[in-house]
Amino acid sequence: MGKWKDKALKVSILAVVVLLALLFLVLRGRSRSGWNGFPLRNRDEFRMELAIEKIRDIEMLTSAEYVGKAVKVGHKPRALGRRQDQICIVAKGRVRAGYDFSRDSVSVIIEDNVATVILPQPRVFDVTVNPSDWRVYDQVGGWTDKEIRPLLTDCRRRLYQDAVGSGILDRAKKSAQDQISVVLASLGFDEVRFATSVLPLPVPEAGL
């Protein structure tokens, strides 16, 4: 009877040892697998896709604006005589710049819980000169709407050039980076870095 008890005790001890060994292997595998039991590679892929999705959810991001004035003087010859007709237009306008993440390419690289966001160049969305935002300050001769329209286009072109010269694209980039940093920090990244795509600047969508 004592022999059977000793044998049962040995079997019980062996079973406990086997269970402990299996538990150790399981815990060791989970510690190597990373976040929530996912392999590290799958974890980073999941977080990369989630980060890109969060950025794309922003869609149209107007991150900088410029408001200014442009002056355009137009001339045209008269049908009779040597004197030219002349007109002077002063136009106020607004320039908007930023990103359209519903169309612009954006990628995210994750390494050691640091997210590096590769953004395209920011774009100028539009240059707006409303009908109430321009005035004729000097006019000699008659001018039709058809003749004035190209002068207003020149005003928009000048406003665009002034906005770019004032650094609107740099401001748009910096503001967008600040907003994206806040969004990605909520996903638990230790740091968010940025790089800029080497692709050329998008063609302005202002009809220039």
C-alpha atoms as a PDB file:
ATOM      1  CA  MET A   1       0.000   0.000   0.000  1.00  0.00           C
ATOM      2  CA  GLY A   2       2.881   2.373   0.804  1.00  0.00           C
ATOM      3  CA  LYS A   3       4.465   1.671  -2.541  1.00  0.00           C
ATOM      4  CA  TRP A   4       1.280   2.727  -4.373  1.00  0.00           C
ATOM      5  CA  LYS A   5       1.186   5.988  -2.396  1.00  0.00           C
ATOM      6  CA  ASP A   6       4.823   6.728  -3.246  1.00  0.00           C
ATOM      7  CA  LYS A   7       4.171   6.007  -6.904  1.00  0.00           C
ATOM      8  CA  ALA A   8       1.087   8.266  -6.962  1.00  0.00           C
ATOM      9  CA  LEU A   9       3.042  11.040  -5.261  1.00  0.00           C
ATOM     10  CA  LYS A  10       5.810  10.812  -7.849  1.00  0.00           C
ATOM     11  CA  VAL A  11       3.274  10.953 -10.685  1.00  0.00           C
ATOM     12  CA  SER A  12       1.629  14.015  -9.132  1.00  0.00           C
ATOM     13  CA  ILE A  13       4.978  15.773  -8.728  1.00  0.00           C
ATOM     14  CA  LEU A  14       5.887  14.951 -12.343  1.00  0.00           C
ATOM     15  CA  ALA A  15       2.550  16.318 -13.575  1.00  0.00           C
ATOM     16  CA  VAL A  16       3.068  19.544 -11.639  1.00  0.00           C
ATOM     17  CA  VAL A  17       6.577  19.914 -13.095  1.00  0.00           C
ATOM     18  CA  VAL A  18       5.228  19.388 -16.632  1.00  0.00           C
ATOM     19  CA  LEU A  19       2.462  21.930 -16.100  1.00  0.00           C
ATOM     20  CA  LEU A  20       4.908  24.478 -14.735  1.00  0.00           C
ATOM     21  CA  ALA A  21       7.215  23.901 -17.703  1.00  0.00           C
ATOM     22  CA  LEU A  22       4.320  24.409 -20.149  1.00  0.00           C
ATOM     23  CA  LEU A  23       3.225  27.559 -18.313  1.00  0.00           C
ATOM     24  CA  PHE A  24       6.761  28.917 -18.497  1.00  0.00           C
ATOM     25  CA  LEU A  25       6.927  28.293 -22.228  1.00  0.00           C
ATOM     26  CA  VAL A  26       3.558  29.987 -22.793  1.00  0.00           C
ATOM     27  CA  LEU A  27       4.523  33.065 -20.772  1.00  0.00           C
ATOM     28  CA  ARG A  28       7.885  33.252 -22.486  1.00  0.00           C
ATOM     29  CA  GLY A  29       6.206  33.082 -25.887  1.00  0.00           C
ATOM     30  CA  ARG A  30       3.817  35.913 -24.987  1.00  0.00           C
ATOM     31  CA  SER A  31       6.631  38.115 -23.735  1.00  0.00           C
ATOM     32  CA  ARG A  32       8.363  37.681 -27.073  1.00  0.00           C
ATOM     33  CA  SER A  33       5.219  38.084 -29.118  1.00  0.00           C
ATOM     34  CA  GLY A  34       4.772  41.688 -28.001  1.00  0.00           C
ATOM     35  CA  TRP A  35       1.625  43.780 -27.744  1.00  0.00           C
ATOM     36  CA  ASN A  36      -1.557  41.920 -26.707  1.00  0.00           C
ATOM     37  CA  GLY A  37      -0.194  38.589 -27.873  1.00  0.00           C
ATOM     38  CA  PHE A  38       0.415  39.786 -31.470  1.00  0.00           C
ATOM     39  CA  PRO A  39       3.835  39.175 -33.009  1.00  0.00           C
ATOM     40  CA  LEU A  40       5.911  42.366 -33.042  1.00  0.00           C
ATOM     41  CA  ARG A  41       5.777  42.646 -36.819  1.00  0.00           C
ATOM     42  CA  ASN A  42       1.974  42.313 -36.871  1.00  0.00           C
ATOM     43  CA  ARG A  43       1.678  44.782 -34.011  1.00  0.00           C
ATOM     44  CA  ASP A  44       3.666  47.446 -35.856  1.00  0.00           C
ATOM     45  CA  GLU A  45       1.719  46.847 -39.064  1.00  0.00           C
ATOM     46  CA  PHE A  46      -1.551  47.215 -37.192  1.00  0.00           C
ATOM     47  CA  ARG A  47      -0.459  50.428 -35.487  1.00  0.00           C
ATOM     48  CA  MET A  48       0.911  51.799 -38.780  1.00  0.00           C
ATOM     49  CA  GLU A  49      -2.428  51.215 -40.515  1.00  0.00           C
ATOM     50  CA  LEU A  50      -4.262  52.731 -37.557  1.00  0.00           C
ATOM     51  CA  ALA A  51      -2.008  55.816 -37.591  1.00  0.00           C
ATOM     52  CA  ILE A  52      -2.530  56.334 -41.336  1.00  0.00           C
ATOM     53  CA  GLU A  53      -6.283  55.908 -40.891  1.00  0.00           C
ATOM     54  CA  LYS A  54      -6.319  58.554 -38.138  1.00  0.00           C
ATOM     55  CA  ILE A  55      -4.427  60.980 -40.387  1.00  0.00           C
ATOM     56  CA  ARG A  56      -6.715  60.320 -43.357  1.00  0.00           C
ATOM     57  CA  ASP A  57      -9.742  60.945 -41.122  1.00  0.00           C
ATOM     58  CA  ILE A  58      -8.562  64.568 -40.916  1.00  0.00           C
ATOM     59  CA  GLU A  59      -9.256  64.830 -44.686  1.00  0.00           C
ATOM     60  CA  MET A  60      -9.021  68.492 -45.762  1.00  0.00           C
ATOM     61  CA  LEU A  61      -6.725  70.325 -43.382  1.00  0.00           C
ATOM     62  CA  THR A  62      -6.438  74.077 -43.920  1.00  0.00           C
ATOM     63  CA  SER A  63      -3.458  74.711 -41.670  1.00  0.00           C
ATOM     64  CA  ALA A  64      -2.462  78.233 -42.805  1.00  0.00           C
ATOM     65  CA  GLU A  65      -4.081  81.308 -44.341  1.00  0.00           C
ATOM     66  CA  TYR A  66      -2.831  84.538 -45.865  1.00  0.00           C
ATOM     67  CA  VAL A  67      -4.859  87.718 -46.351  1.00  0.00           C
ATOM     68  CA  GLY A  68      -3.495  90.539 -48.480  1.00  0.00           C
ATOM     69  CA  LYS A  69      -4.014  93.087 -51.234  1.00  0.00           C
ATOM     70  CA  ALA A  70      -2.965  93.215 -54.853  1.00  0.00           C
ATOM     71  CA  VAL A  71      -2.944  96.183 -57.224  1.00  0.00           C
ATOM     72  CA  LYS A  72      -3.251  95.778 -60.974  1.00  0.00           C
ATOM     73  CA  VAL A  73      -3.134  98.539 -63.585  1.00  0.00           C
ATOM     74  CA  GLY A  74      -4.525  97.693 -66.985  1.00  0.00           C
ATOM     75  CA  HIS A  75      -4.099  99.491 -70.293  1.00  0.00           C
ATOM     76  CA  LYS A  76      -5.688  99.161 -73.680  1.00  0.00           C
ATOM     77  CA  PRO A  77      -5.462 101.265 -76.848  1.00  0.00           C
ATOM     78  CA  ARG A  78      -8.399 103.350 -77.925  1.00  0.00           C
ATOM     79  CA  ALA A  79      -9.981 102.874 -81.283  1.00  0.00           C
ATOM     80  CA  LEU A  80      -9.270 106.533 -82.134  1.00  0.00           C
ATOM     81  CA  GLY A  81      -6.504 108.781 -80.901  1.00  0.00           C
ATOM     82  CA  ARG A  82      -3.223 108.035 -79.197  1.00  0.00           C
ATOM     83  CA  ARG A  83      -4.294 108.083 -75.574  1.00  0.00           C
ATOM     84  CA  GLN A  84      -4.787 104.701 -73.882  1.00  0.00           C
ATOM     85  CA  ASP A  85      -7.652 103.663 -71.680  1.00  0.00           C
ATOM     86  CA  GLN A  86      -6.499 102.803 -68.179  1.00  0.00           C
ATOM     87  CA  ILE A  87      -7.889 101.144 -65.078  1.00  0.00           C
ATOM     88  CA  CYS A  88      -6.477 100.547 -61.601  1.00  0.00           C
ATOM     89  CA  ILE A  89      -7.904  97.686 -59.537  1.00  0.00           C
ATOM     90  CA  VAL A  90      -7.180  97.004 -55.871  1.00  0.00           C
ATOM     91  CA  ALA A  91      -8.244  93.546 -54.765  1.00  0.00           C
ATOM     92  CA  LYS A  92      -8.319  91.985 -51.307  1.00  0.00           C
ATOM     93  CA  GLY A  93      -7.972  88.233 -51.224  1.00  0.00           C
ATOM     94  CA  ARG A  94      -7.482  85.184 -49.060  1.00  0.00           C
ATOM     95  CA  VAL A  95      -5.100  82.292 -49.717  1.00  0.00           C
ATOM     96  CA  ARG A  96      -5.590  78.903 -48.022  1.00  0.00           C
ATOM     97  CA  ALA A  97      -2.928  76.204 -47.780  1.00  0.00           C
ATOM     98  CA  GLY A  98      -2.635  72.799 -46.172  1.00  0.00           C
ATOM     99  CA  TYR A  99      -3.167  69.120 -46.966  1.00  0.00           C
ATOM    100  CA  ASP A 100      -5.884  67.008 -48.491  1.00  0.00           C
ATOM    101  CA  PHE A 101      -5.299  63.677 -46.776  1.00  0.00           C
ATOM    102  CA  SER A 102      -8.197  62.102 -48.649  1.00  0.00           C
ATOM    103  CA  ARG A 103      -5.991  62.282 -51.775  1.00  0.00           C
ATOM    104  CA  ASP A 104      -2.439  63.124 -50.697  1.00  0.00           C
ATOM    105  CA  SER A 105      -0.060  60.228 -50.128  1.00  0.00           C
ATOM    106  CA  VAL A 106       1.047  59.760 -46.519  1.00  0.00           C
ATOM    107  CA  SER A 107       3.037  56.933 -44.912  1.00  0.00           C
ATOM    108  CA  VAL A 108       4.105  56.029 -41.381  1.00  0.00           C
ATOM    109  CA  ILE A 109       7.175  54.096 -40.228  1.00  0.00           C
ATOM    110  CA  ILE A 110       7.209  52.648 -36.703  1.00  0.00           C
ATOM    111  CA  GLU A 111      10.377  51.685 -34.872  1.00  0.00           C
ATOM    112  CA  ASP A 112      10.904  51.327 -31.119  1.00  0.00           C
ATOM    113  CA  ASN A 113       7.514  52.958 -30.464  1.00  0.00           C
ATOM    114  CA  VAL A 114       8.564  56.034 -32.452  1.00  0.00           C
ATOM    115  CA  ALA A 115       6.311  57.003 -35.375  1.00  0.00           C
ATOM    116  CA  THR A 116       7.899  58.744 -38.353  1.00  0.00           C
ATOM    117  CA  VAL A 117       5.270  60.369 -40.569  1.00  0.00           C
ATOM    118  CA  ILE A 118       6.253  61.039 -44.187  1.00  0.00           C
ATOM    119  CA  LEU A 119       4.118  63.886 -45.469  1.00  0.00           C
ATOM    120  CA  PRO A 120       3.838  65.290 -48.984  1.00  0.00           C
ATOM    121  CA  GLN A 121       4.520  68.930 -49.674  1.00  0.00           C
ATOM    122  CA  PRO A 122       1.645  71.177 -48.541  1.00  0.00           C
ATOM    123  CA  ARG A 123      -0.472  72.709 -51.266  1.00  0.00           C
ATOM    124  CA  VAL A 124      -2.241  75.980 -51.913  1.00  0.00           C
ATOM    125  CA  PHE A 125      -5.933  75.151 -52.055  1.00  0.00           C
ATOM    126  CA  ASP A 126      -7.305  78.367 -53.480  1.00  0.00           C
ATOM    127  CA  VAL A 127      -6.941  82.114 -53.852  1.00  0.00           C
ATOM    128  CA  THR A 128     -10.280  83.820 -53.279  1.00  0.00           C
ATOM    129  CA  VAL A 129     -11.184  87.348 -54.412  1.00  0.00           C
ATOM    130  CA  ASN A 130     -14.880  87.901 -53.806  1.00  0.00           C
ATOM    131  CA  PRO A 131     -16.870  90.417 -55.909  1.00  0.00           C
ATOM    132  CA  SER A 132     -17.140  92.672 -52.870  1.00  0.00           C
ATOM    133  CA  ASP A 133     -13.385  92.499 -52.220  1.00  0.00           C
ATOM    134  CA  TRP A 134     -12.118  94.511 -55.200  1.00  0.00           C
ATOM    135  CA  ARG A 135     -12.579  98.124 -56.253  1.00  0.00           C
ATOM    136  CA  VAL A 136     -11.711 100.326 -59.182  1.00  0.00           C
ATOM    137  CA  TYR A 137      -9.661 103.276 -57.948  1.00  0.00           C
ATOM    138  CA  ASP A 138      -8.952 104.904 -61.281  1.00  0.00           C
ATOM    139  CA  GLN A 139     -10.542 104.452 -64.659  1.00  0.00           C
ATOM    140  CA  VAL A 140     -10.114 106.119 -68.021  1.00  0.00           C
ATOM    141  CA  GLY A 141     -12.382 104.896 -70.788  1.00  0.00           C
ATOM    142  CA  GLY A 142     -14.875 102.087 -70.774  1.00  0.00           C
ATOM    143  CA  TRP A 143     -14.045  98.618 -69.422  1.00  0.00           C
ATOM    144  CA  THR A 144     -16.257  95.545 -69.755  1.00  0.00           C
ATOM    145  CA  ASP A 145     -16.450  92.630 -67.326  1.00  0.00           C
ATOM    146  CA  LYS A 146     -14.697  90.483 -69.934  1.00  0.00           C
ATOM    147  CA  GLU A 147     -11.774  92.935 -70.007  1.00  0.00           C
ATOM    148  CA  ILE A 148     -11.595  93.184 -66.213  1.00  0.00           C
ATOM    149  CA  ARG A 149     -11.631  89.407 -65.626  1.00  0.00           C
ATOM    150  CA  PRO A 150      -7.991  88.816 -66.720  1.00  0.00           C
ATOM    151  CA  LEU A 151      -6.886  91.689 -64.463  1.00  0.00           C
ATOM    152  CA  LEU A 152      -8.514  89.972 -61.477  1.00  0.00           C
ATOM    153  CA  THR A 153      -6.737  86.750 -62.444  1.00  0.00           C
ATOM    154  CA  ASP A 154      -3.453  88.677 -62.321  1.00  0.00           C
ATOM    155  CA  CYS A 155      -4.440  89.914 -58.851  1.00  0.00           C
ATOM    156  CA  ARG A 156      -5.006  86.344 -57.686  1.00  0.00           C
ATOM    157  CA  ARG A 157      -1.658  85.335 -59.134  1.00  0.00           C
ATOM    158  CA  ARG A 158       0.031  88.175 -57.250  1.00  0.00           C
ATOM    159  CA  LEU A 159      -1.733  87.205 -54.013  1.00  0.00           C
ATOM    160  CA  TYR A 160      -0.540  83.609 -54.492  1.00  0.00           C
ATOM    161  CA  GLN A 161       3.052  84.753 -55.012  1.00  0.00           C
ATOM    162  CA  ASP A 162       2.910  87.032 -51.978  1.00  0.00           C
ATOM    163  CA  ALA A 163       1.456  84.250 -49.835  1.00  0.00           C
ATOM    164  CA  VAL A 164       4.181  81.796 -50.830  1.00  0.00           C
ATOM    165  CA  GLY A 165       6.799  84.491 -50.317  1.00  0.00           C
ATOM    166  CA  SER A 166       5.464  85.119 -46.822  1.00  0.00           C
ATOM    167  CA  GLY A 167       6.028  81.463 -45.888  1.00  0.00           C
ATOM    168  CA  ILE A 168       2.464  80.161 -45.983  1.00  0.00           C
ATOM    169  CA  LEU A 169       3.607  76.663 -47.007  1.00  0.00           C
ATOM    170  CA  ASP A 170       6.089  76.426 -44.130  1.00  0.00           C
ATOM    171  CA  ARG A 171       3.400  77.570 -41.700  1.00  0.00           C
ATOM    172  CA  ALA A 172       0.968  75.043 -43.140  1.00  0.00           C
ATOM    173  CA  LYS A 173       3.502  72.245 -42.674  1.00  0.00           C
ATOM    174  CA  LYS A 174       4.350  73.217 -39.090  1.00  0.00           C
ATOM    175  CA  SER A 175       0.690  73.574 -38.072  1.00  0.00           C
ATOM    176  CA  ALA A 176      -0.214  70.220 -39.644  1.00  0.00           C
ATOM    177  CA  GLN A 177       2.671  68.507 -37.861  1.00  0.00           C
ATOM    178  CA  ASP A 178       1.518  69.901 -34.530  1.00  0.00           C
ATOM    179  CA  GLN A 179      -2.019  68.604 -35.086  1.00  0.00           C
ATOM    180  CA  ILE A 180      -0.878  65.179 -36.281  1.00  0.00           C
ATOM    181  CA  SER A 181       1.469  64.876 -33.289  1.00  0.00           C
ATOM    182  CA  VAL A 182      -1.488  65.292 -30.941  1.00  0.00           C
ATOM    183  CA  VAL A 183      -3.512  62.672 -32.837  1.00  0.00           C
ATOM    184  CA  LEU A 184      -0.724  60.063 -32.868  1.00  0.00           C
ATOM    185  CA  ALA A 185       0.302  60.728 -29.266  1.00  0.00           C
ATOM    186  CA  SER A 186      -3.159  59.493 -28.304  1.00  0.00           C
ATOM    187  CA  LEU A 187      -2.190  56.114 -29.812  1.00  0.00           C
ATOM    188  CA  GLY A 188       0.600  55.721 -27.282  1.00  0.00           C
ATOM    189  CA  PHE A 189       3.699  56.570 -29.306  1.00  0.00           C
ATOM    190  CA  ASP A 190       6.666  57.821 -27.291  1.00  0.00           C
ATOM    191  CA  GLU A 191       7.663  60.263 -30.043  1.00  0.00           C
ATOM    192  CA  VAL A 192       6.335  61.477 -33.388  1.00  0.00           C
ATOM    193  CA  ARG A 193       8.813  62.578 -36.049  1.00  0.00           C
ATOM    194  CA  PHE A 194       8.277  63.976 -39.518  1.00  0.00           C
ATOM    195  CA  ALA A 195       9.902  63.730 -42.911  1.00  0.00           C
ATOM    196  CA  THR A 196       8.882  65.348 -46.189  1.00  0.00           C
ATOM    197  CA  SER A 197       8.390  63.541 -49.461  1.00  0.00           C
ATOM    198  CA  VAL A 198      10.820  64.505 -52.216  1.00  0.00           C
ATOM    199  CA  LEU A 199       7.972  64.762 -54.708  1.00  0.00           C
ATOM    200  CA  PRO A 200       7.551  68.211 -56.324  1.00  0.00           C
ATOM    201  CA  LEU A 201       5.054  70.733 -54.990  1.00  0.00           C
ATOM    202  CA  PRO A 202       1.471  70.108 -56.158  1.00  0.00           C
ATOM    203  CA  VAL A 203       0.119  72.409 -58.826  1.00  0.00           C
ATOM    204  CA  PRO A 204      -1.954  75.124 -57.094  1.00  0.00           C
ATOM    205  CA  GLU A 205      -5.689  74.591 -57.373  1.00  0.00           C
ATOM    206  CA  ALA A 206      -6.422  78.290 -57.596  1.00  0.00           C
ATOM    207  CA  GLY A 207      -6.935  78.450 -61.341  1.00  0.00           C
ATOM    208  CA  LEU A 208      -3.669  80.326 -61.779  1.00  0.00           C
END
